[in-house]
C-alpha cells in the first residue's frame, strides 16, 4: 500500500512508477539540456 509507506520508502518506490505528462512543451525545463532532464528521476531516486 503506497500511502502506508514511510516517506523514505515511498521515495524509493517511485523509481518503479513513473509518469508521462500531457504537455510536451510545458513538462520539459527549457533551461536544461536533455541529458539533465532525462537523468532527473535517476538522480533523485
ModelCIF file with pLDDT and N, C-alpha, C, O atoms, coordinates in Angstrom:
data_MODEL
#
_entry.id   MODEL 
#
_entity.id                         1 
_entity.type                       polymer 
_entity.pdbx_number_of_molecules   1 
#
_entity_poly.entity_id                      1 
_entity_poly.type                           'polypeptide(L)' 
_entity_poly.nstd_linkage                   no 
_entity_poly.nstd_monomer                   no 
_entity_poly.pdbx_seq_one_letter_code       
;(UNK)(UNK)(UNK)(UNK)(UNK)(UNK)(UNK)(UNK)(UNK)(UNK)(UNK)(UNK)(UNK)(UNK)(UNK)(UNK)
(UNK)(UNK)(UNK)(UNK)(UNK)(UNK)(UNK)(UNK)(UNK)(UNK)(UNK)(UNK)(UNK)(UNK)(UNK)(UNK)
(UNK)(UNK)(UNK)(UNK)(UNK)(UNK)(UNK)(UNK)(UNK)(UNK)(UNK)(UNK)(UNK)
;
_entity_poly.pdbx_seq_one_letter_code_can   XXXXXXXXXXXXXXXXXXXXXXXXXXXXXXXXXXXXXXXXXXXXX 
_entity_poly.pdbx_strand_id                 A 
#
loop_
_entity_poly_seq.entity_id 
_entity_poly_seq.num 
_entity_poly_seq.mon_id 
_entity_poly_seq.hetero 
1 1  UNK n 
1 2  UNK n 
1 3  UNK n 
1 4  UNK n 
1 5  UNK n 
1 6  UNK n 
1 7  UNK n 
1 8  UNK n 
1 9  UNK n 
1 10 UNK n 
1 11 UNK n 
1 12 UNK n 
1 13 UNK n 
1 14 UNK n 
1 15 UNK n 
1 16 UNK n 
1 17 UNK n 
1 18 UNK n 
1 19 UNK n 
1 20 UNK n 
1 21 UNK n 
1 22 UNK n 
1 23 UNK n 
1 24 UNK n 
1 25 UNK n 
1 26 UNK n 
1 27 UNK n 
1 28 UNK n 
1 29 UNK n 
1 30 UNK n 
1 31 UNK n 
1 32 UNK n 
1 33 UNK n 
1 34 UNK n 
1 35 UNK n 
1 36 UNK n 
1 37 UNK n 
1 38 UNK n 
1 39 UNK n 
1 40 UNK n 
1 41 UNK n 
1 42 UNK n 
1 43 UNK n 
1 44 UNK n 
1 45 UNK n 
#
_struct_asym.id          A 
_struct_asym.entity_id   1 
#
loop_
_ma_qa_metric.id 
_ma_qa_metric.mode 
_ma_qa_metric.name 
_ma_qa_metric.software_group_id 
_ma_qa_metric.type 
1 global pLDDT . pLDDT 
2 local  pLDDT . pLDDT 
#
_ma_qa_metric_global.metric_id      1 
_ma_qa_metric_global.metric_value   86.27 
_ma_qa_metric_global.model_id       1 
_ma_qa_metric_global.ordinal_id     1 
#
loop_
_ma_qa_metric_local.label_asym_id 
_ma_qa_metric_local.label_comp_id 
_ma_qa_metric_local.label_seq_id 
_ma_qa_metric_local.metric_id 
_ma_qa_metric_local.metric_value 
_ma_qa_metric_local.model_id 
_ma_qa_metric_local.ordinal_id 
A UNK 1  2 94.00 1 1  
A UNK 2  2 93.00 1 2  
A UNK 3  2 89.00 1 3  
A UNK 4  2 90.00 1 4  
A UNK 5  2 91.00 1 5  
A UNK 6  2 92.00 1 6  
A UNK 7  2 88.00 1 7  
A UNK 8  2 86.00 1 8  
A UNK 9  2 88.00 1 9  
A UNK 10 2 88.00 1 10 
A UNK 11 2 84.00 1 11 
A UNK 12 2 83.00 1 12 
A UNK 13 2 86.00 1 13 
A UNK 14 2 82.00 1 14 
A UNK 15 2 81.00 1 15 
A UNK 16 2 87.00 1 16 
A UNK 17 2 91.00 1 17 
A UNK 18 2 90.00 1 18 
A UNK 19 2 91.00 1 19 
A UNK 20 2 90.00 1 20 
A UNK 21 2 84.00 1 21 
A UNK 22 2 80.00 1 22 
A UNK 23 2 80.00 1 23 
A UNK 24 2 77.00 1 24 
A UNK 25 2 80.00 1 25 
A UNK 26 2 84.00 1 26 
A UNK 27 2 83.00 1 27 
A UNK 28 2 88.00 1 28 
A UNK 29 2 90.00 1 29 
A UNK 30 2 91.00 1 30 
A UNK 31 2 93.00 1 31 
A UNK 32 2 93.00 1 32 
A UNK 33 2 94.00 1 33 
A UNK 34 2 94.00 1 34 
A UNK 35 2 93.00 1 35 
A UNK 36 2 92.00 1 36 
A UNK 37 2 93.00 1 37 
A UNK 38 2 92.00 1 38 
A UNK 39 2 91.00 1 39 
A UNK 40 2 87.00 1 40 
A UNK 41 2 86.00 1 41 
A UNK 42 2 78.00 1 42 
A UNK 43 2 68.00 1 43 
A UNK 44 2 63.00 1 44 
A UNK 45 2 64.00 1 45 
#
loop_
_atom_site.group_PDB 
_atom_site.id 
_atom_site.type_symbol 
_atom_site.label_atom_id 
_atom_site.label_alt_id 
_atom_site.label_comp_id 
_atom_site.label_asym_id 
_atom_site.label_entity_id 
_atom_site.label_seq_id 
_atom_site.pdbx_PDB_ins_code 
_atom_site.Cartn_x 
_atom_site.Cartn_y 
_atom_site.Cartn_z 
_atom_site.occupancy 
_atom_site.B_iso_or_equiv 
_atom_site.pdbx_formal_charge 
_atom_site.auth_seq_id 
_atom_site.auth_comp_id 
_atom_site.auth_asym_id 
_atom_site.auth_atom_id 
_atom_site.pdbx_PDB_model_num 
ATOM 1   N N  . UNK A 1 1  ? 0.849  -1.190 0.000   1.00 94.00 ? 1  UNK A N  1 
ATOM 2   C CA . UNK A 1 1  ? 0.000  0.000  0.000   1.00 94.00 ? 1  UNK A CA 1 
ATOM 3   C C  . UNK A 1 1  ? 0.883  1.239  0.000   1.00 94.00 ? 1  UNK A C  1 
ATOM 4   O O  . UNK A 1 1  ? 1.637  1.465  0.946   1.00 94.00 ? 1  UNK A O  1 
ATOM 5   N N  . UNK A 1 2  ? 0.794  2.049  -1.067  1.00 93.00 ? 2  UNK A N  1 
ATOM 6   C CA . UNK A 1 2  ? 1.712  3.177  -1.230  1.00 93.00 ? 2  UNK A CA 1 
ATOM 7   C C  . UNK A 1 2  ? 1.578  4.214  -0.124  1.00 93.00 ? 2  UNK A C  1 
ATOM 8   O O  . UNK A 1 2  ? 2.585  4.736  0.354   1.00 93.00 ? 2  UNK A O  1 
ATOM 9   N N  . UNK A 1 3  ? 0.360  4.520  0.289   1.00 89.00 ? 3  UNK A N  1 
ATOM 10  C CA . UNK A 1 3  ? 0.166  5.583  1.266   1.00 89.00 ? 3  UNK A CA 1 
ATOM 11  C C  . UNK A 1 3  ? 0.473  5.153  2.691   1.00 89.00 ? 3  UNK A C  1 
ATOM 12  O O  . UNK A 1 3  ? 0.457  5.979  3.604   1.00 89.00 ? 3  UNK A O  1 
ATOM 13  N N  . UNK A 1 4  ? 0.754  3.867  2.893   1.00 90.00 ? 4  UNK A N  1 
ATOM 14  C CA . UNK A 1 4  ? 1.162  3.397  4.212   1.00 90.00 ? 4  UNK A CA 1 
ATOM 15  C C  . UNK A 1 4  ? 2.678  3.347  4.361   1.00 90.00 ? 4  UNK A C  1 
ATOM 16  O O  . UNK A 1 4  ? 3.185  3.071  5.448   1.00 90.00 ? 4  UNK A O  1 
ATOM 17  N N  . UNK A 1 5  ? 3.404  3.612  3.278   1.00 91.00 ? 5  UNK A N  1 
ATOM 18  C CA . UNK A 1 5  ? 4.862  3.532  3.324   1.00 91.00 ? 5  UNK A CA 1 
ATOM 19  C C  . UNK A 1 5  ? 5.453  4.772  3.982   1.00 91.00 ? 5  UNK A C  1 
ATOM 20  O O  . UNK A 1 5  ? 4.944  5.874  3.778   1.00 91.00 ? 5  UNK A O  1 
ATOM 21  N N  . UNK A 1 6  ? 6.514  4.616  4.763   1.00 92.00 ? 6  UNK A N  1 
ATOM 22  C CA . UNK A 1 6  ? 7.245  5.795  5.246   1.00 92.00 ? 6  UNK A CA 1 
ATOM 23  C C  . UNK A 1 6  ? 7.780  6.604  4.073   1.00 92.00 ? 6  UNK A C  1 
ATOM 24  O O  . UNK A 1 6  ? 7.968  6.076  2.977   1.00 92.00 ? 6  UNK A O  1 
ATOM 25  N N  . UNK A 1 7  ? 8.022  7.888  4.309   1.00 88.00 ? 7  UNK A N  1 
ATOM 26  C CA . UNK A 1 7  ? 8.410  8.788  3.218   1.00 88.00 ? 7  UNK A CA 1 
ATOM 27  C C  . UNK A 1 7  ? 9.652  8.279  2.474   1.00 88.00 ? 7  UNK A C  1 
ATOM 28  O O  . UNK A 1 7  ? 9.699  8.355  1.246   1.00 88.00 ? 7  UNK A O  1 
ATOM 29  N N  . UNK A 1 8  ? 10.641 7.770  3.181   1.00 86.00 ? 8  UNK A N  1 
ATOM 30  C CA . UNK A 1 8  ? 11.861 7.307  2.523   1.00 86.00 ? 8  UNK A CA 1 
ATOM 31  C C  . UNK A 1 8  ? 11.579 6.109  1.629   1.00 86.00 ? 8  UNK A C  1 
ATOM 32  O O  . UNK A 1 8  ? 12.100 6.027  0.517   1.00 86.00 ? 8  UNK A O  1 
ATOM 33  N N  . UNK A 1 9  ? 10.753 5.172  2.111   1.00 88.00 ? 9  UNK A N  1 
ATOM 34  C CA . UNK A 1 9  ? 10.415 4.001  1.291   1.00 88.00 ? 9  UNK A CA 1 
ATOM 35  C C  . UNK A 1 9  ? 9.556  4.404  0.092   1.00 88.00 ? 9  UNK A C  1 
ATOM 36  O O  . UNK A 1 9  ? 9.718  3.859  -0.999  1.00 88.00 ? 9  UNK A O  1 
ATOM 37  N N  . UNK A 1 10 ? 8.650  5.352  0.292   1.00 88.00 ? 10 UNK A N  1 
ATOM 38  C CA . UNK A 1 10 ? 7.829  5.815  -0.828  1.00 88.00 ? 10 UNK A CA 1 
ATOM 39  C C  . UNK A 1 10 ? 8.692  6.473  -1.895  1.00 88.00 ? 10 UNK A C  1 
ATOM 40  O O  . UNK A 1 10 ? 8.452  6.285  -3.088  1.00 88.00 ? 10 UNK A O  1 
ATOM 41  N N  . UNK A 1 11 ? 9.683  7.235  -1.482  1.00 84.00 ? 11 UNK A N  1 
ATOM 42  C CA . UNK A 1 11 ? 10.584 7.877  -2.437  1.00 84.00 ? 11 UNK A CA 1 
ATOM 43  C C  . UNK A 1 11 ? 11.319 6.828  -3.262  1.00 84.00 ? 11 UNK A C  1 
ATOM 44  O O  . UNK A 1 11 ? 11.468 6.975  -4.475  1.00 84.00 ? 11 UNK A O  1 
ATOM 45  N N  . UNK A 1 12 ? 11.785 5.757  -2.589  1.00 83.00 ? 12 UNK A N  1 
ATOM 46  C CA . UNK A 1 12 ? 12.480 4.690  -3.316  1.00 83.00 ? 12 UNK A CA 1 
ATOM 47  C C  . UNK A 1 12 ? 11.526 3.924  -4.225  1.00 83.00 ? 12 UNK A C  1 
ATOM 48  O O  . UNK A 1 12 ? 11.916 3.501  -5.314  1.00 83.00 ? 12 UNK A O  1 
ATOM 49  N N  . UNK A 1 13 ? 10.278 3.739  -3.789  1.00 86.00 ? 13 UNK A N  1 
ATOM 50  C CA . UNK A 1 13 ? 9.295  3.012  -4.581  1.00 86.00 ? 13 UNK A CA 1 
ATOM 51  C C  . UNK A 1 13 ? 8.941  3.765  -5.853  1.00 86.00 ? 13 UNK A C  1 
ATOM 52  O O  . UNK A 1 13 ? 8.583  3.148  -6.857  1.00 86.00 ? 13 UNK A O  1 
ATOM 53  N N  . UNK A 1 14 ? 9.034  5.091  -5.826  1.00 82.00 ? 14 UNK A N  1 
ATOM 54  C CA . UNK A 1 14 ? 8.694  5.880  -7.006  1.00 82.00 ? 14 UNK A CA 1 
ATOM 55  C C  . UNK A 1 14 ? 9.641  5.626  -8.172  1.00 82.00 ? 14 UNK A C  1 
ATOM 56  O O  . UNK A 1 14 ? 9.349  6.021  -9.300  1.00 82.00 ? 14 UNK A O  1 
ATOM 57  N N  . UNK A 1 15 ? 10.774 4.970  -7.916  1.00 81.00 ? 15 UNK A N  1 
ATOM 58  C CA . UNK A 1 15 ? 11.635 4.570  -9.028  1.00 81.00 ? 15 UNK A CA 1 
ATOM 59  C C  . UNK A 1 15 ? 10.935 3.551  -9.912  1.00 81.00 ? 15 UNK A C  1 
ATOM 60  O O  . UNK A 1 15 ? 11.286 3.394  -11.081 1.00 81.00 ? 15 UNK A O  1 
ATOM 61  N N  . UNK A 1 16 ? 9.938  2.852  -9.354  1.00 87.00 ? 16 UNK A N  1 
ATOM 62  C CA . UNK A 1 16 ? 9.248  1.790  -10.091 1.00 87.00 ? 16 UNK A CA 1 
ATOM 63  C C  . UNK A 1 16 ? 7.943  2.265  -10.722 1.00 87.00 ? 16 UNK A C  1 
ATOM 64  O O  . UNK A 1 16 ? 7.244  1.478  -11.359 1.00 87.00 ? 16 UNK A O  1 
ATOM 65  N N  . UNK A 1 17 ? 7.603  3.553  -10.550 1.00 91.00 ? 17 UNK A N  1 
ATOM 66  C CA . UNK A 1 17 ? 6.361  4.062  -11.110 1.00 91.00 ? 17 UNK A CA 1 
ATOM 67  C C  . UNK A 1 17 ? 6.623  5.495  -11.588 1.00 91.00 ? 17 UNK A C  1 
ATOM 68  O O  . UNK A 1 17 ? 6.915  6.383  -10.788 1.00 91.00 ? 17 UNK A O  1 
ATOM 69  N N  . UNK A 1 18 ? 6.515  5.701  -12.889 1.00 90.00 ? 18 UNK A N  1 
ATOM 70  C CA . UNK A 1 18 ? 6.846  6.994  -13.487 1.00 90.00 ? 18 UNK A CA 1 
ATOM 71  C C  . UNK A 1 18 ? 5.648  7.508  -14.286 1.00 90.00 ? 18 UNK A C  1 
ATOM 72  O O  . UNK A 1 18 ? 4.713  6.764  -14.582 1.00 90.00 ? 18 UNK A O  1 
ATOM 73  N N  . UNK A 1 19 ? 5.699  8.796  -14.628 1.00 91.00 ? 19 UNK A N  1 
ATOM 74  C CA . UNK A 1 19 ? 4.556  9.434  -15.266 1.00 91.00 ? 19 UNK A CA 1 
ATOM 75  C C  . UNK A 1 19 ? 4.974  10.174 -16.533 1.00 91.00 ? 19 UNK A C  1 
ATOM 76  O O  . UNK A 1 19 ? 6.037  10.793 -16.590 1.00 91.00 ? 19 UNK A O  1 
ATOM 77  N N  . UNK A 1 20 ? 4.110  10.095 -17.550 1.00 90.00 ? 20 UNK A N  1 
ATOM 78  C CA . UNK A 1 20 ? 4.256  10.890 -18.765 1.00 90.00 ? 20 UNK A CA 1 
ATOM 79  C C  . UNK A 1 20 ? 3.133  11.911 -18.755 1.00 90.00 ? 20 UNK A C  1 
ATOM 80  O O  . UNK A 1 20 ? 1.959  11.552 -18.665 1.00 90.00 ? 20 UNK A O  1 
ATOM 81  N N  . UNK A 1 21 ? 3.496  13.194 -18.847 1.00 84.00 ? 21 UNK A N  1 
ATOM 82  C CA . UNK A 1 21 ? 2.501  14.247 -18.735 1.00 84.00 ? 21 UNK A CA 1 
ATOM 83  C C  . UNK A 1 21 ? 1.953  14.632 -20.099 1.00 84.00 ? 21 UNK A C  1 
ATOM 84  O O  . UNK A 1 21 ? 2.483  14.239 -21.138 1.00 84.00 ? 21 UNK A O  1 
ATOM 85  N N  . UNK A 1 22 ? 0.890  15.401 -20.069 1.00 80.00 ? 22 UNK A N  1 
ATOM 86  C CA . UNK A 1 22 ? 0.139  15.729 -21.275 1.00 80.00 ? 22 UNK A CA 1 
ATOM 87  C C  . UNK A 1 22 ? 0.893  16.682 -22.201 1.00 80.00 ? 22 UNK A C  1 
ATOM 88  O O  . UNK A 1 22 ? 0.916  16.478 -23.414 1.00 80.00 ? 22 UNK A O  1 
ATOM 89  N N  . UNK A 1 23 ? 1.504  17.710 -21.643 1.00 80.00 ? 23 UNK A N  1 
ATOM 90  C CA . UNK A 1 23 ? 2.060  18.791 -22.454 1.00 80.00 ? 23 UNK A CA 1 
ATOM 91  C C  . UNK A 1 23 ? 3.544  18.564 -22.709 1.00 80.00 ? 23 UNK A C  1 
ATOM 92  O O  . UNK A 1 23 ? 4.338  18.687 -21.776 1.00 80.00 ? 23 UNK A O  1 
ATOM 93  N N  . UNK A 1 24 ? 3.951  18.236 -23.939 1.00 77.00 ? 24 UNK A N  1 
ATOM 94  C CA . UNK A 1 24 ? 5.376  18.021 -24.214 1.00 77.00 ? 24 UNK A CA 1 
ATOM 95  C C  . UNK A 1 24 ? 6.177  19.312 -24.219 1.00 77.00 ? 24 UNK A C  1 
ATOM 96  O O  . UNK A 1 24 ? 7.406  19.273 -24.272 1.00 77.00 ? 24 UNK A O  1 
ATOM 97  N N  . UNK A 1 25 ? 5.502  20.459 -24.165 1.00 80.00 ? 25 UNK A N  1 
ATOM 98  C CA . UNK A 1 25 ? 6.191  21.747 -24.132 1.00 80.00 ? 25 UNK A CA 1 
ATOM 99  C C  . UNK A 1 25 ? 6.394  22.222 -22.700 1.00 80.00 ? 25 UNK A C  1 
ATOM 100 O O  . UNK A 1 25 ? 7.482  22.675 -22.342 1.00 80.00 ? 25 UNK A O  1 
ATOM 101 N N  . UNK A 1 26 ? 5.365  22.122 -21.889 1.00 84.00 ? 26 UNK A N  1 
ATOM 102 C CA . UNK A 1 26 ? 5.469  22.614 -20.524 1.00 84.00 ? 26 UNK A CA 1 
ATOM 103 C C  . UNK A 1 26 ? 6.128  21.645 -19.558 1.00 84.00 ? 26 UNK A C  1 
ATOM 104 O O  . UNK A 1 26 ? 6.536  22.066 -18.475 1.00 84.00 ? 26 UNK A O  1 
ATOM 105 N N  . UNK A 1 27 ? 6.253  20.365 -19.897 1.00 83.00 ? 27 UNK A N  1 
ATOM 106 C CA . UNK A 1 27 ? 6.794  19.379 -18.958 1.00 83.00 ? 27 UNK A CA 1 
ATOM 107 C C  . UNK A 1 27 ? 8.315  19.270 -19.007 1.00 83.00 ? 27 UNK A C  1 
ATOM 108 O O  . UNK A 1 27 ? 8.904  18.554 -18.199 1.00 83.00 ? 27 UNK A O  1 
ATOM 109 N N  . UNK A 1 28 ? 8.964  19.973 -19.947 1.00 88.00 ? 28 UNK A N  1 
ATOM 110 C CA . UNK A 1 28 ? 10.430 19.942 -20.051 1.00 88.00 ? 28 UNK A CA 1 
ATOM 111 C C  . UNK A 1 28 ? 10.975 21.331 -19.724 1.00 88.00 ? 28 UNK A C  1 
ATOM 112 O O  . UNK A 1 28 ? 10.517 22.324 -20.288 1.00 88.00 ? 28 UNK A O  1 
ATOM 113 N N  . UNK A 1 29 ? 11.939 21.406 -18.825 1.00 90.00 ? 29 UNK A N  1 
ATOM 114 C CA . UNK A 1 29 ? 12.542 22.677 -18.423 1.00 90.00 ? 29 UNK A CA 1 
ATOM 115 C C  . UNK A 1 29 ? 13.358 23.238 -19.585 1.00 90.00 ? 29 UNK A C  1 
ATOM 116 O O  . UNK A 1 29 ? 14.346 22.624 -19.990 1.00 90.00 ? 29 UNK A O  1 
ATOM 117 N N  . UNK A 1 30 ? 12.964 24.400 -20.135 1.00 91.00 ? 30 UNK A N  1 
ATOM 118 C CA . UNK A 1 30 ? 13.668 24.923 -21.302 1.00 91.00 ? 30 UNK A CA 1 
ATOM 119 C C  . UNK A 1 30 ? 15.103 25.354 -21.016 1.00 91.00 ? 30 UNK A C  1 
ATOM 120 O O  . UNK A 1 30 ? 15.875 25.565 -21.950 1.00 91.00 ? 30 UNK A O  1 
ATOM 121 N N  . UNK A 1 31 ? 15.474 25.490 -19.743 1.00 93.00 ? 31 UNK A N  1 
ATOM 122 C CA . UNK A 1 31 ? 16.817 25.954 -19.389 1.00 93.00 ? 31 UNK A CA 1 
ATOM 123 C C  . UNK A 1 31 ? 17.815 24.816 -19.247 1.00 93.00 ? 31 UNK A C  1 
ATOM 124 O O  . UNK A 1 31 ? 19.017 25.053 -19.127 1.00 93.00 ? 31 UNK A O  1 
ATOM 125 N N  . UNK A 1 32 ? 17.321 23.574 -19.258 1.00 93.00 ? 32 UNK A N  1 
ATOM 126 C CA . UNK A 1 32 ? 18.178 22.423 -19.031 1.00 93.00 ? 32 UNK A CA 1 
ATOM 127 C C  . UNK A 1 32 ? 18.429 21.661 -20.324 1.00 93.00 ? 32 UNK A C  1 
ATOM 128 O O  . UNK A 1 32 ? 17.569 21.618 -21.205 1.00 93.00 ? 32 UNK A O  1 
ATOM 129 N N  . UNK A 1 33 ? 19.600 21.065 -20.434 1.00 94.00 ? 33 UNK A N  1 
ATOM 130 C CA . UNK A 1 33 ? 19.882 20.187 -21.559 1.00 94.00 ? 33 UNK A CA 1 
ATOM 131 C C  . UNK A 1 33 ? 19.129 18.871 -21.383 1.00 94.00 ? 33 UNK A C  1 
ATOM 132 O O  . UNK A 1 33 ? 18.737 18.500 -20.277 1.00 94.00 ? 33 UNK A O  1 
ATOM 133 N N  . UNK A 1 34 ? 18.939 18.180 -22.500 1.00 94.00 ? 34 UNK A N  1 
ATOM 134 C CA . UNK A 1 34 ? 18.156 16.951 -22.481 1.00 94.00 ? 34 UNK A CA 1 
ATOM 135 C C  . UNK A 1 34 ? 18.783 15.912 -21.565 1.00 94.00 ? 34 UNK A C  1 
ATOM 136 O O  . UNK A 1 34 ? 18.064 15.172 -20.894 1.00 94.00 ? 34 UNK A O  1 
ATOM 137 N N  . UNK A 1 35 ? 20.107 15.842 -21.521 1.00 93.00 ? 35 UNK A N  1 
ATOM 138 C CA . UNK A 1 35 ? 20.780 14.862 -20.662 1.00 93.00 ? 35 UNK A CA 1 
ATOM 139 C C  . UNK A 1 35 ? 20.359 15.028 -19.209 1.00 93.00 ? 35 UNK A C  1 
ATOM 140 O O  . UNK A 1 35 ? 20.099 14.044 -18.516 1.00 93.00 ? 35 UNK A O  1 
ATOM 141 N N  . UNK A 1 36 ? 20.292 16.272 -18.748 1.00 92.00 ? 36 UNK A N  1 
ATOM 142 C CA . UNK A 1 36 ? 19.922 16.511 -17.348 1.00 92.00 ? 36 UNK A CA 1 
ATOM 143 C C  . UNK A 1 36 ? 18.440 16.256 -17.125 1.00 92.00 ? 36 UNK A C  1 
ATOM 144 O O  . UNK A 1 36 ? 18.051 15.727 -16.084 1.00 92.00 ? 36 UNK A O  1 
ATOM 145 N N  . UNK A 1 37 ? 17.599 16.632 -18.109 1.00 93.00 ? 37 UNK A N  1 
ATOM 146 C CA . UNK A 1 37 ? 16.164 16.411 -17.989 1.00 93.00 ? 37 UNK A CA 1 
ATOM 147 C C  . UNK A 1 37 ? 15.858 14.917 -17.877 1.00 93.00 ? 37 UNK A C  1 
ATOM 148 O O  . UNK A 1 37 ? 15.102 14.493 -17.004 1.00 93.00 ? 37 UNK A O  1 
ATOM 149 N N  . UNK A 1 38 ? 16.450 14.131 -18.768 1.00 92.00 ? 38 UNK A N  1 
ATOM 150 C CA . UNK A 1 38 ? 16.175 12.695 -18.790 1.00 92.00 ? 38 UNK A CA 1 
ATOM 151 C C  . UNK A 1 38 ? 16.732 12.017 -17.541 1.00 92.00 ? 38 UNK A C  1 
ATOM 152 O O  . UNK A 1 38 ? 16.128 11.075 -17.029 1.00 92.00 ? 38 UNK A O  1 
ATOM 153 N N  . UNK A 1 39 ? 17.873 12.485 -17.050 1.00 91.00 ? 39 UNK A N  1 
ATOM 154 C CA . UNK A 1 39 ? 18.519 11.845 -15.894 1.00 91.00 ? 39 UNK A CA 1 
ATOM 155 C C  . UNK A 1 39 ? 17.917 12.263 -14.562 1.00 91.00 ? 39 UNK A C  1 
ATOM 156 O O  . UNK A 1 39 ? 18.269 11.700 -13.525 1.00 91.00 ? 39 UNK A O  1 
ATOM 157 N N  . UNK A 1 40 ? 17.011 13.245 -14.570 1.00 87.00 ? 40 UNK A N  1 
ATOM 158 C CA . UNK A 1 40 ? 16.500 13.781 -13.313 1.00 87.00 ? 40 UNK A CA 1 
ATOM 159 C C  . UNK A 1 40 ? 15.882 12.721 -12.398 1.00 87.00 ? 40 UNK A C  1 
ATOM 160 O O  . UNK A 1 40 ? 16.211 12.698 -11.212 1.00 87.00 ? 40 UNK A O  1 
ATOM 161 N N  . UNK A 1 41 ? 14.993 11.835 -12.896 1.00 86.00 ? 41 UNK A N  1 
ATOM 162 C CA . UNK A 1 41 ? 14.456 10.816 -11.983 1.00 86.00 ? 41 UNK A CA 1 
ATOM 163 C C  . UNK A 1 41 ? 15.534 9.893  -11.439 1.00 86.00 ? 41 UNK A C  1 
ATOM 164 O O  . UNK A 1 41 ? 15.441 9.442  -10.298 1.00 86.00 ? 41 UNK A O  1 
ATOM 165 N N  . UNK A 1 42 ? 16.547 9.606  -12.231 1.00 78.00 ? 42 UNK A N  1 
ATOM 166 C CA . UNK A 1 42 ? 17.631 8.723  -11.795 1.00 78.00 ? 42 UNK A CA 1 
ATOM 167 C C  . UNK A 1 42 ? 18.444 9.387  -10.698 1.00 78.00 ? 42 UNK A C  1 
ATOM 168 O O  . UNK A 1 42 ? 18.832 8.740  -9.726  1.00 78.00 ? 42 UNK A O  1 
ATOM 169 N N  . UNK A 1 43 ? 18.699 10.671 -10.855 1.00 68.00 ? 43 UNK A N  1 
ATOM 170 C CA . UNK A 1 43 ? 19.484 11.386 -9.854  1.00 68.00 ? 43 UNK A CA 1 
ATOM 171 C C  . UNK A 1 43 ? 18.744 11.480 -8.532  1.00 68.00 ? 43 UNK A C  1 
ATOM 172 O O  . UNK A 1 43 ? 19.363 11.417 -7.470  1.00 68.00 ? 43 UNK A O  1 
ATOM 173 N N  . UNK A 1 44 ? 17.412 11.631 -8.584  1.00 63.00 ? 44 UNK A N  1 
ATOM 174 C CA . UNK A 1 44 ? 16.625 11.789 -7.363  1.00 63.00 ? 44 UNK A CA 1 
ATOM 175 C C  . UNK A 1 44 ? 16.336 10.464 -6.657  1.00 63.00 ? 44 UNK A C  1 
ATOM 176 O O  . UNK A 1 44 ? 16.183 10.427 -5.436  1.00 63.00 ? 44 UNK A O  1 
ATOM 177 N N  . UNK A 1 45 ? 16.261 9.366  -7.439  1.00 64.00 ? 45 UNK A N  1 
ATOM 178 C CA . UNK A 1 45 ? 15.766 8.113  -6.878  1.00 64.00 ? 45 UNK A CA 1 
ATOM 179 C C  . UNK A 1 45 ? 16.806 7.025  -6.753  1.00 64.00 ? 45 UNK A C  1 
ATOM 180 O O  . UNK A 1 45 ? 16.497 5.926  -6.291  1.00 64.00 ? 45 UNK A O  1 
#
